[in-house]
Amino acid sequence: MKIALVDLPVVSPPVLTARIQPALWAAYLAVYLQEGIETVFVDGRLGQNTCWLDELAGPEWRTWGTPLAELTDQILSHNPDAIGIHVGVSNDIGVAIGLIRSLRCTFKGRIIIGGSGVATIPKEFLPKEIASEEICWVRGIGQGLGLDITRPAVSIDELPDRTLLEKYWQQYIDWDHPHSGPCLLKPSAQVHTSTGCGGKCQFCTTRAPLRRRDLDSIRRELEILRDDYGIVGIQDESDNVLGFSDRQTQKVMPYLDLLIEMGFRSFESSNGLTVKGMLNPRFQDWLGRALEAGMAIRLLLPFESASEQILRAMHKPQHHQDCRRLIEQLASLKGKGALHLEIFLQVGFHLVEDNKIRMEGQESIAATLKWSDELRNMAAMNTWFNIPLPGTPVFPLWRQQLPKAPWESLIFSSPSLLYPKDIRTALLGEILPRNTARRSAAFDPTKSAQP
């Protein structure tokens, strides 16, 4: 049996420069397929700029990569028995629909669709072109993929085969991460030291329990990256590195100590450092030692909102006062070395009351924007709009109220369509000038965000 695994072209607004990243998602899946399965990998991200999504979603969205007809021909040229399409994020759905329509003109075999962009969405909300095909309902590492062409997922401590990584290595270190923005030092590599989170934040799709990799597994990967590839910086892309309790933070300290011992020159976490974890004295001690050792550190501070009411409604495991206390502690460390801070705030939260969505009011939005202005001398700012992502509790209500909204609007940060047009326009004018962080540059490469 032969299966062609496909990574789709990248979707973005046309005002942005293409941010082509290595096609590692389906590539990693390919190495875990059952023995006896012949796998070919078709990378739709490496072609020339094109715009074949216009007919599906309008001119406000563009795909960067291989044109539709060419991508279809590439896939079919391998004469596969089955085609697996990876939908990594929800805005890929429009591209997937176009590819499926094109393939189904001639291909009669199995088309299997997987990835978090579909696996987190209730089937009744998926477009018919997606729902009518075979869907791989994956729920986290460690559970079976549920298809007879695959074996159960491997342990998170098993290092993947490096063949496909080698193919994309140069591109991997040359291009900045599309989500995290420019790294502190090059070459840097992204690693995952845990899966899941254990938190219950209402706006987050990562709802699986926190599971950490074994320290020996992490050590082996770091040695490969340092010794075989010359990596000097680590970007930890885990959803929760530090945890919430002292016990969880204590468990991660040997990994952080390992980074110092192995001589890495930078460490950054764009997503996984909790306020509670960063306040922990164990982490504060490590941070001081790392800076004194000459390591450059970048921390993203997930403050989210200046409103205690919003933090409670979103089930954030922190209080507004915790955020203020953390800023004071980090300020005392900035003179010790290269400590780079970025703060993440959101406005326009979707609040659920009596099974209906109520939008965040102007008073709390104004308080968050005022706080953003106060903090900008201390840290670079990421201030964006809250959007109900598939897989979050509010998403079904959002989709019911806006059944015809384009899928692309679910992933790109813009004022909610539930606000009147005049408020949306005003919010855009308030937010865009306040973004100074390198993560903002990842969304808008015309902005220069220096470390």
Protein backbone atom coordinates (compact mmCIF):
# COMPACT_ATOMS: atom_id res chain seq x y z
CA MET A 1 0.00 0.00 0.00
CA LYS A 2 1.24 3.47 -0.84
CA ILE A 3 0.08 6.63 0.94
CA ALA A 4 0.89 10.20 -0.07
CA LEU A 5 1.08 12.56 2.91
CA VAL A 6 0.44 16.20 2.06
CA ASP A 7 1.28 19.43 3.86
CA LEU A 8 -0.83 22.29 2.52
CA PRO A 9 0.33 25.73 1.40
CA VAL A 10 0.38 28.47 4.03
CA VAL A 11 -2.65 30.76 4.37
CA SER A 12 -2.15 34.41 5.30
CA PRO A 13 -3.50 37.88 4.52
CA PRO A 14 -1.96 39.21 1.27
CA VAL A 15 -0.39 42.17 3.09
CA LEU A 16 2.12 39.79 4.70
CA THR A 17 5.27 38.43 3.16
CA ALA A 18 5.26 34.67 2.75
CA ARG A 19 6.54 32.90 5.87
CA ILE A 20 7.46 29.49 4.53
CA GLN A 21 8.37 27.08 7.30
CA PRO A 22 9.62 23.50 7.14
CA ALA A 23 6.87 20.99 6.52
CA LEU A 24 7.59 18.94 9.62
CA TRP A 25 4.10 18.02 10.82
CA ALA A 26 3.19 15.39 8.22
CA ALA A 27 6.87 14.56 7.87
CA TYR A 28 7.05 13.43 11.48
CA LEU A 29 3.84 11.45 11.11
CA ALA A 30 5.33 9.65 8.13
CA VAL A 31 8.09 8.04 10.19
CA TYR A 32 5.54 6.45 12.51
CA LEU A 33 3.54 4.63 9.85
CA GLN A 34 3.26 0.88 10.01
CA GLU A 35 6.05 -1.17 8.45
CA GLY A 36 5.14 -2.29 4.97
CA ILE A 37 3.46 1.00 4.11
CA GLU A 38 5.22 2.92 1.36
CA THR A 39 5.08 6.61 2.19
CA VAL A 40 5.71 9.56 -0.09
CA PHE A 41 5.69 13.10 1.22
CA VAL A 42 4.32 15.96 -0.87
CA ASP A 43 5.27 19.40 0.42
CA GLY A 44 2.84 22.08 -0.74
CA ARG A 45 4.69 24.88 1.06
CA LEU A 46 7.74 25.27 -1.10
CA GLY A 47 6.30 26.53 -4.38
CA GLN A 48 5.99 30.04 -5.76
CA ASN A 49 3.52 32.63 -4.47
CA THR A 50 -0.01 32.02 -5.67
CA CYS A 51 -3.53 32.95 -4.75
CA TRP A 52 -5.86 30.07 -5.52
CA LEU A 53 -7.82 30.52 -2.30
CA ASP A 54 -9.46 33.70 -3.59
CA GLU A 55 -12.36 31.80 -5.12
CA LEU A 56 -13.14 30.26 -1.71
CA ALA A 57 -12.62 33.05 0.78
CA GLY A 58 -12.24 36.26 -1.15
CA PRO A 59 -9.21 38.47 -1.89
CA GLU A 60 -8.46 39.12 1.80
CA TRP A 61 -6.71 35.74 2.05
CA ARG A 62 -3.84 34.28 0.05
CA THR A 63 -2.03 30.98 -0.04
CA TRP A 64 1.74 30.82 -0.35
CA GLY A 65 3.01 27.66 -1.95
CA THR A 66 2.43 25.26 -4.81
CA PRO A 67 -0.48 26.19 -7.13
CA LEU A 68 -3.54 23.95 -6.89
CA ALA A 69 -3.27 22.25 -10.28
CA GLU A 70 0.45 21.61 -9.84
CA LEU A 71 -0.03 20.28 -6.30
CA THR A 72 -2.78 17.93 -7.51
CA ASP A 73 -0.54 16.62 -10.30
CA GLN A 74 2.35 16.08 -7.88
CA ILE A 75 0.18 14.01 -5.55
CA LEU A 76 -1.39 11.89 -8.28
CA SER A 77 1.95 11.31 -10.03
CA HIS A 78 2.88 8.95 -7.17
CA ASN A 79 -0.17 6.74 -7.91
CA PRO A 80 -1.09 6.50 -4.21
CA ASP A 81 -3.65 4.09 -2.80
CA ALA A 82 -4.57 6.68 -0.18
CA ILE A 83 -3.91 10.39 0.35
CA GLY A 84 -3.43 11.90 3.80
CA ILE A 85 -3.95 15.66 4.09
CA HIS A 86 -2.64 17.47 7.16
CA VAL A 87 -4.82 20.36 8.39
CA GLY A 88 -2.68 21.95 11.08
CA VAL A 89 -4.85 24.97 11.90
CA SER A 90 -8.43 25.86 11.14
CA ASN A 91 -7.61 28.39 8.44
CA ASP A 92 -6.16 25.52 6.38
CA ILE A 93 -9.68 24.18 5.90
CA GLY A 94 -10.42 26.43 2.92
CA VAL A 95 -7.24 25.24 1.19
CA ALA A 96 -8.03 21.61 2.02
CA ILE A 97 -11.49 21.95 0.47
CA GLY A 98 -10.00 23.27 -2.77
CA LEU A 99 -7.47 20.42 -2.91
CA ILE A 100 -10.09 17.76 -2.16
CA ARG A 101 -12.35 19.06 -4.95
CA SER A 102 -9.44 18.99 -7.37
CA LEU A 103 -8.34 15.47 -6.36
CA ARG A 104 -11.86 14.07 -6.50
CA CYS A 105 -12.13 14.93 -10.18
CA THR A 106 -10.08 11.79 -10.87
CA PHE A 107 -9.00 10.12 -7.60
CA LYS A 108 -11.38 7.45 -6.27
CA GLY A 109 -9.30 6.10 -3.37
CA ARG A 110 -9.25 7.01 0.30
CA ILE A 111 -8.62 10.61 1.33
CA ILE A 112 -7.78 10.81 5.02
CA ILE A 113 -7.77 14.19 6.75
CA GLY A 114 -5.97 14.72 10.05
CA GLY A 115 -4.41 17.35 12.25
CA SER A 116 -5.66 19.61 15.01
CA GLY A 117 -7.31 21.92 12.47
CA VAL A 118 -10.06 19.32 12.03
CA ALA A 119 -9.65 16.96 15.01
CA THR A 120 -10.71 19.63 17.51
CA ILE A 121 -13.86 20.67 15.63
CA PRO A 122 -17.23 18.95 16.18
CA LYS A 123 -18.14 17.18 12.96
CA GLU A 124 -21.42 19.07 12.61
CA PHE A 125 -19.48 22.33 12.18
CA LEU A 126 -17.13 21.02 9.49
CA PRO A 127 -17.84 21.88 5.83
CA LYS A 128 -19.44 18.99 3.94
CA GLU A 129 -16.37 18.50 1.72
CA ILE A 130 -14.32 17.74 4.84
CA ALA A 131 -16.96 15.87 6.83
CA SER A 132 -17.71 13.50 3.93
CA GLU A 133 -14.11 12.25 3.81
CA GLU A 134 -12.31 10.00 6.30
CA ILE A 135 -11.21 11.99 9.34
CA CYS A 136 -8.41 10.97 11.67
CA TRP A 137 -9.77 11.94 15.09
CA VAL A 138 -6.51 12.22 17.02
CA ARG A 139 -6.64 13.29 20.66
CA GLY A 140 -3.09 13.82 21.86
CA ILE A 141 0.16 11.88 21.79
CA GLY A 142 -0.01 8.40 23.25
CA GLN A 143 -3.43 7.46 21.86
CA GLY A 144 -4.00 5.45 18.72
CA LEU A 145 -4.65 7.22 15.45
CA GLY A 146 -7.76 5.10 14.92
CA LEU A 147 -6.95 4.05 11.35
CA ASP A 148 -5.94 0.64 10.11
CA ILE A 149 -3.02 2.08 8.14
CA THR A 150 -1.22 3.26 11.27
CA ARG A 151 0.02 1.86 14.54
CA PRO A 152 -0.55 3.52 17.92
CA ALA A 153 1.42 6.69 18.49
CA VAL A 154 4.84 6.18 20.00
CA SER A 155 6.00 7.24 23.44
CA ILE A 156 6.76 10.94 23.74
CA ASP A 157 10.24 9.90 24.84
CA GLU A 158 11.06 8.23 21.50
CA LEU A 159 13.13 10.45 19.23
CA PRO A 160 11.83 10.62 15.65
CA ASP A 161 13.75 9.49 12.61
CA ARG A 162 15.89 12.35 11.30
CA THR A 163 15.71 11.59 7.57
CA LEU A 164 13.04 14.13 6.74
CA LEU A 165 14.46 16.64 9.18
CA GLU A 166 17.76 16.46 7.31
CA LYS A 167 15.93 17.29 4.07
CA TYR A 168 14.55 20.50 5.52
CA TRP A 169 17.34 21.38 7.90
CA GLN A 170 18.78 24.38 6.09
CA GLN A 171 15.35 25.88 5.61
CA TYR A 172 14.56 25.11 9.24
CA ILE A 173 17.42 27.22 10.57
CA ASP A 174 17.24 29.94 7.91
CA TRP A 175 13.58 30.88 8.37
CA ASP A 176 12.20 32.31 11.58
CA HIS A 177 9.41 30.43 13.30
CA PRO A 178 6.10 31.73 11.84
CA HIS A 179 4.41 31.76 15.25
CA SER A 180 7.22 32.80 17.53
CA GLY A 181 9.03 35.29 15.34
CA PRO A 182 12.80 35.84 15.04
CA CYS A 183 14.93 33.84 17.46
CA LEU A 184 17.46 35.43 19.79
CA LEU A 185 20.47 33.63 18.31
CA LYS A 186 21.02 31.61 15.16
CA PRO A 187 21.07 28.74 14.71
CA SER A 188 18.31 27.93 17.20
CA ALA A 189 16.01 24.93 17.22
CA GLN A 190 12.47 24.38 18.47
CA VAL A 191 11.93 21.51 20.90
CA HIS A 192 8.97 20.12 22.78
CA THR A 193 9.68 18.86 26.28
CA SER A 194 6.07 18.19 27.24
CA THR A 195 2.60 17.73 25.80
CA GLY A 196 -0.69 19.08 27.05
CA CYS A 197 -1.07 21.70 29.74
CA GLY A 198 -3.47 20.79 32.54
CA GLY A 199 -4.95 24.29 32.59
CA LYS A 200 -8.57 25.15 31.87
CA CYS A 201 -8.23 28.51 30.12
CA GLN A 202 -11.45 29.00 28.18
CA PHE A 203 -9.78 30.50 25.10
CA CYS A 204 -7.12 27.78 24.70
CA THR A 205 -7.41 24.58 22.65
CA THR A 206 -4.71 22.75 24.62
CA ARG A 207 -6.92 20.91 27.08
CA ALA A 208 -5.03 17.62 27.52
CA PRO A 209 -3.25 16.77 30.81
CA LEU A 210 0.37 17.87 31.20
CA ARG A 211 2.84 15.08 30.36
CA ARG A 212 6.61 15.61 30.47
CA ARG A 213 9.29 13.84 28.52
CA ASP A 214 11.90 11.83 30.36
CA LEU A 215 15.06 13.85 31.11
CA ASP A 216 17.27 11.32 29.31
CA SER A 217 15.15 11.69 26.16
CA ILE A 218 15.53 15.48 26.32
CA ARG A 219 19.27 15.18 26.93
CA ARG A 220 19.75 12.94 23.89
CA GLU A 221 17.86 15.36 21.64
CA LEU A 222 19.80 18.37 22.96
CA GLU A 223 23.10 16.55 22.38
CA ILE A 224 22.11 15.81 18.78
CA LEU A 225 21.12 19.42 18.18
CA ARG A 226 24.28 20.81 19.77
CA ASP A 227 26.86 18.30 18.52
CA ASP A 228 25.48 17.33 15.08
CA TYR A 229 23.83 20.56 14.00
CA GLY A 230 25.71 23.28 15.88
CA ILE A 231 22.60 24.63 17.60
CA VAL A 232 23.33 27.39 20.13
CA GLY A 233 19.81 28.41 21.16
CA ILE A 234 16.71 26.53 22.28
CA GLN A 235 13.12 27.63 21.66
CA ASP A 236 10.85 25.49 23.81
CA GLU A 237 7.48 25.34 22.04
CA SER A 238 5.73 23.28 24.75
CA ASP A 239 2.34 24.57 25.84
CA ASN A 240 3.27 24.40 29.52
CA VAL A 241 6.93 24.27 30.53
CA LEU A 242 6.79 25.31 34.19
CA GLY A 243 3.39 24.08 35.34
CA PHE A 244 1.29 25.71 38.05
CA SER A 245 2.34 24.10 41.33
CA ASP A 246 5.68 23.96 43.14
CA ARG A 247 5.83 20.21 42.50
CA GLN A 248 5.43 20.73 38.75
CA THR A 249 8.03 23.49 38.67
CA GLN A 250 10.49 21.42 40.71
CA LYS A 251 10.17 18.59 38.19
CA VAL A 252 11.24 20.78 35.27
CA MET A 253 14.31 22.30 36.95
CA PRO A 254 16.74 19.49 35.94
CA TYR A 255 15.91 20.20 32.28
CA LEU A 256 16.52 23.93 32.71
CA ASP A 257 19.77 23.24 34.58
CA LEU A 258 20.79 20.99 31.68
CA LEU A 259 20.60 23.94 29.28
CA ILE A 260 23.19 25.81 31.36
CA GLU A 261 25.41 22.75 31.83
CA MET A 262 25.43 21.97 28.09
CA GLY A 263 26.50 25.50 27.20
CA PHE A 264 23.49 26.70 25.23
CA ARG A 265 23.68 30.44 24.73
CA SER A 266 19.98 31.28 24.57
CA PHE A 267 16.64 29.99 25.81
CA GLU A 268 13.20 31.25 24.92
CA SER A 269 9.66 30.07 25.46
CA SER A 270 7.00 31.69 23.33
CA ASN A 271 4.03 29.92 24.83
CA GLY A 272 4.60 27.80 27.89
CA LEU A 273 5.73 29.86 30.89
CA THR A 274 2.92 30.33 33.37
CA VAL A 275 2.73 33.34 35.67
CA LYS A 276 2.55 31.01 38.68
CA GLY A 277 5.61 29.08 37.46
CA MET A 278 7.69 32.20 36.83
CA LEU A 279 6.87 33.51 40.31
CA ASN A 280 8.23 30.29 41.83
CA PRO A 281 11.52 30.92 43.72
CA ARG A 282 13.06 27.87 42.02
CA PHE A 283 12.59 29.45 38.60
CA GLN A 284 13.67 32.87 39.81
CA ASP A 285 16.90 31.32 41.12
CA TRP A 286 17.50 29.50 37.82
CA LEU A 287 16.86 32.67 35.84
CA GLY A 288 19.47 34.57 37.84
CA ARG A 289 22.05 31.77 37.38
CA ALA A 290 21.36 31.50 33.64
CA LEU A 291 21.80 35.23 33.11
CA GLU A 292 25.01 35.26 35.15
CA ALA A 293 26.28 32.37 32.97
CA GLY A 294 25.86 34.61 29.92
CA MET A 295 22.71 33.02 28.53
CA ALA A 296 20.26 35.25 26.66
CA ILE A 297 16.71 34.63 27.88
CA ARG A 298 13.39 35.54 26.30
CA LEU A 299 10.20 35.13 28.33
CA LEU A 300 6.67 35.65 27.12
CA LEU A 301 4.43 36.74 30.00
CA PRO A 302 0.80 35.59 29.48
CA PHE A 303 -0.92 38.37 31.41
CA GLU A 304 -3.99 38.31 29.08
CA SER A 305 -6.06 41.09 30.70
CA ALA A 306 -5.99 43.87 33.30
CA SER A 307 -9.48 42.86 34.41
CA GLU A 308 -9.76 40.46 37.34
CA GLN A 309 -13.29 39.67 36.14
CA ILE A 310 -12.00 38.61 32.72
CA LEU A 311 -9.25 36.46 34.26
CA ARG A 312 -11.84 34.66 36.40
CA ALA A 313 -14.25 34.21 33.49
CA MET A 314 -11.44 32.74 31.37
CA HIS A 315 -10.38 30.41 34.22
CA LYS A 316 -6.85 31.79 34.23
CA PRO A 317 -4.85 30.34 37.17
CA GLN A 318 -3.52 33.77 38.15
CA HIS A 319 -4.67 37.08 39.57
CA HIS A 320 -3.93 40.54 38.22
CA GLN A 321 -1.81 41.20 41.30
CA ASP A 322 0.32 38.12 40.47
CA CYS A 323 1.19 39.72 37.14
CA ARG A 324 2.20 42.99 38.76
CA ARG A 325 4.35 41.14 41.29
CA LEU A 326 6.08 39.17 38.52
CA ILE A 327 6.95 42.33 36.61
CA GLU A 328 8.56 43.77 39.74
CA GLN A 329 10.64 40.62 40.28
CA LEU A 330 11.79 40.47 36.67
CA ALA A 331 12.68 44.16 36.68
CA SER A 332 15.23 43.45 39.41
CA LEU A 333 16.93 40.89 37.13
CA LYS A 334 17.16 42.93 33.93
CA GLY A 335 20.49 44.40 34.95
CA LYS A 336 22.07 40.95 35.34
CA GLY A 337 22.21 40.08 31.66
CA ALA A 338 20.36 39.72 28.38
CA LEU A 339 16.80 39.30 29.64
CA HIS A 340 14.17 40.01 26.98
CA LEU A 341 10.55 40.26 28.10
CA GLU A 342 7.40 40.19 26.03
CA ILE A 343 3.90 40.58 27.40
CA PHE A 344 0.83 39.01 25.85
CA LEU A 345 -2.52 40.75 26.28
CA GLN A 346 -5.89 40.17 24.68
CA VAL A 347 -8.98 42.35 24.29
CA GLY A 348 -12.45 41.63 22.97
CA PHE A 349 -13.06 38.50 25.04
CA HIS A 350 -16.11 36.36 24.33
CA LEU A 351 -17.95 35.70 27.60
CA VAL A 352 -20.63 33.02 27.89
CA GLU A 353 -23.75 33.87 29.89
CA ASP A 354 -27.00 31.86 29.77
CA ASN A 355 -25.69 29.91 26.80
CA LYS A 356 -25.13 33.10 24.81
CA ILE A 357 -22.01 35.12 24.00
CA ARG A 358 -21.56 38.54 25.57
CA MET A 359 -18.65 40.60 24.28
CA GLU A 360 -16.16 42.25 26.61
CA GLY A 361 -17.17 45.82 27.42
CA GLN A 362 -15.32 49.04 26.74
CA GLU A 363 -14.36 49.62 30.39
CA SER A 364 -12.19 46.51 30.76
CA ILE A 365 -10.77 46.93 27.25
CA ALA A 366 -9.71 50.48 28.13
CA ALA A 367 -8.10 49.23 31.36
CA THR A 368 -6.07 46.62 29.47
CA LEU A 369 -4.94 49.14 26.85
CA LYS A 370 -3.93 51.58 29.58
CA TRP A 371 -1.93 48.83 31.30
CA SER A 372 -0.29 47.98 27.97
CA ASP A 373 0.92 51.57 27.71
CA GLU A 374 2.27 51.45 31.28
CA LEU A 375 4.20 48.24 30.61
CA ARG A 376 5.77 49.10 27.27
CA ASN A 377 8.86 50.63 28.86
CA MET A 378 9.46 47.37 30.68
CA ALA A 379 8.76 44.88 27.89
CA ALA A 380 7.80 44.49 24.26
CA MET A 381 4.05 44.16 23.80
CA ASN A 382 1.80 41.68 22.02
CA THR A 383 -1.76 42.98 22.24
CA TRP A 384 -4.25 41.06 20.12
CA PHE A 385 -7.93 40.25 19.80
CA ASN A 386 -9.56 37.25 21.43
CA ILE A 387 -10.99 34.84 18.83
CA PRO A 388 -12.94 31.65 19.69
CA LEU A 389 -10.80 28.86 18.28
CA PRO A 390 -12.16 25.43 17.39
CA GLY A 391 -11.84 23.13 20.36
CA THR A 392 -12.66 25.84 22.92
CA PRO A 393 -15.94 25.85 24.88
CA VAL A 394 -17.16 29.07 23.27
CA PHE A 395 -16.58 27.94 19.68
CA PRO A 396 -19.90 26.09 19.11
CA LEU A 397 -21.87 29.15 20.25
CA TRP A 398 -19.71 31.41 18.09
CA ARG A 399 -20.25 29.21 15.05
CA GLN A 400 -24.00 29.08 15.61
CA GLN A 401 -24.20 32.88 15.76
CA LEU A 402 -21.94 33.34 12.71
CA PRO A 403 -22.56 30.25 10.56
CA LYS A 404 -21.28 31.85 7.35
CA ALA A 405 -18.10 33.44 8.71
CA PRO A 406 -15.02 32.32 6.71
CA TRP A 407 -12.78 29.76 8.40
CA GLU A 408 -9.81 32.04 7.93
CA SER A 409 -11.35 34.52 10.40
CA LEU A 410 -11.04 31.93 13.17
CA ILE A 411 -7.27 31.97 13.36
CA PHE A 412 -6.07 35.46 12.41
CA SER A 413 -6.25 38.06 15.15
CA SER A 414 -8.94 40.61 14.31
CA PRO A 415 -11.80 42.21 16.24
CA SER A 416 -14.70 39.80 16.66
CA LEU A 417 -17.42 39.87 14.03
CA LEU A 418 -19.86 40.09 16.94
CA TYR A 419 -18.82 43.71 17.50
CA PRO A 420 -20.48 46.41 15.36
CA LYS A 421 -18.36 47.59 12.44
CA ASP A 422 -17.59 50.98 13.98
CA ILE A 423 -16.26 49.38 17.17
CA ARG A 424 -14.17 46.91 15.16
CA THR A 425 -12.61 49.77 13.20
CA ALA A 426 -11.88 51.73 16.37
CA LEU A 427 -10.31 48.72 18.09
CA LEU A 428 -8.01 48.08 15.14
CA GLY A 429 -6.78 51.67 15.37
CA GLU A 430 -6.14 51.24 19.10
CA ILE A 431 -4.34 47.90 18.93
CA LEU A 432 -1.99 47.97 15.95
CA PRO A 433 0.26 50.84 17.17
CA ARG A 434 0.72 49.08 20.52
CA ASN A 435 2.40 45.95 19.15
CA THR A 436 6.17 46.16 19.49
CA ALA A 437 7.23 42.54 20.11
CA ARG A 438 8.96 40.09 17.82
CA ARG A 439 5.82 37.95 17.83
CA SER A 440 4.04 40.92 16.30
CA ALA A 441 6.70 40.90 13.59
CA ALA A 442 5.83 37.27 12.91
CA PHE A 443 2.30 38.43 12.07
CA ASP A 444 3.50 41.56 10.28
CA PRO A 445 7.05 41.19 8.91
CA THR A 446 7.10 44.85 7.85
CA LYS A 447 7.67 45.69 11.51
CA SER A 448 11.22 45.35 12.74
CA ALA A 449 11.31 43.69 16.17
CA GLN A 450 14.87 43.61 17.46
CA PRO A 451 15.79 41.32 20.36
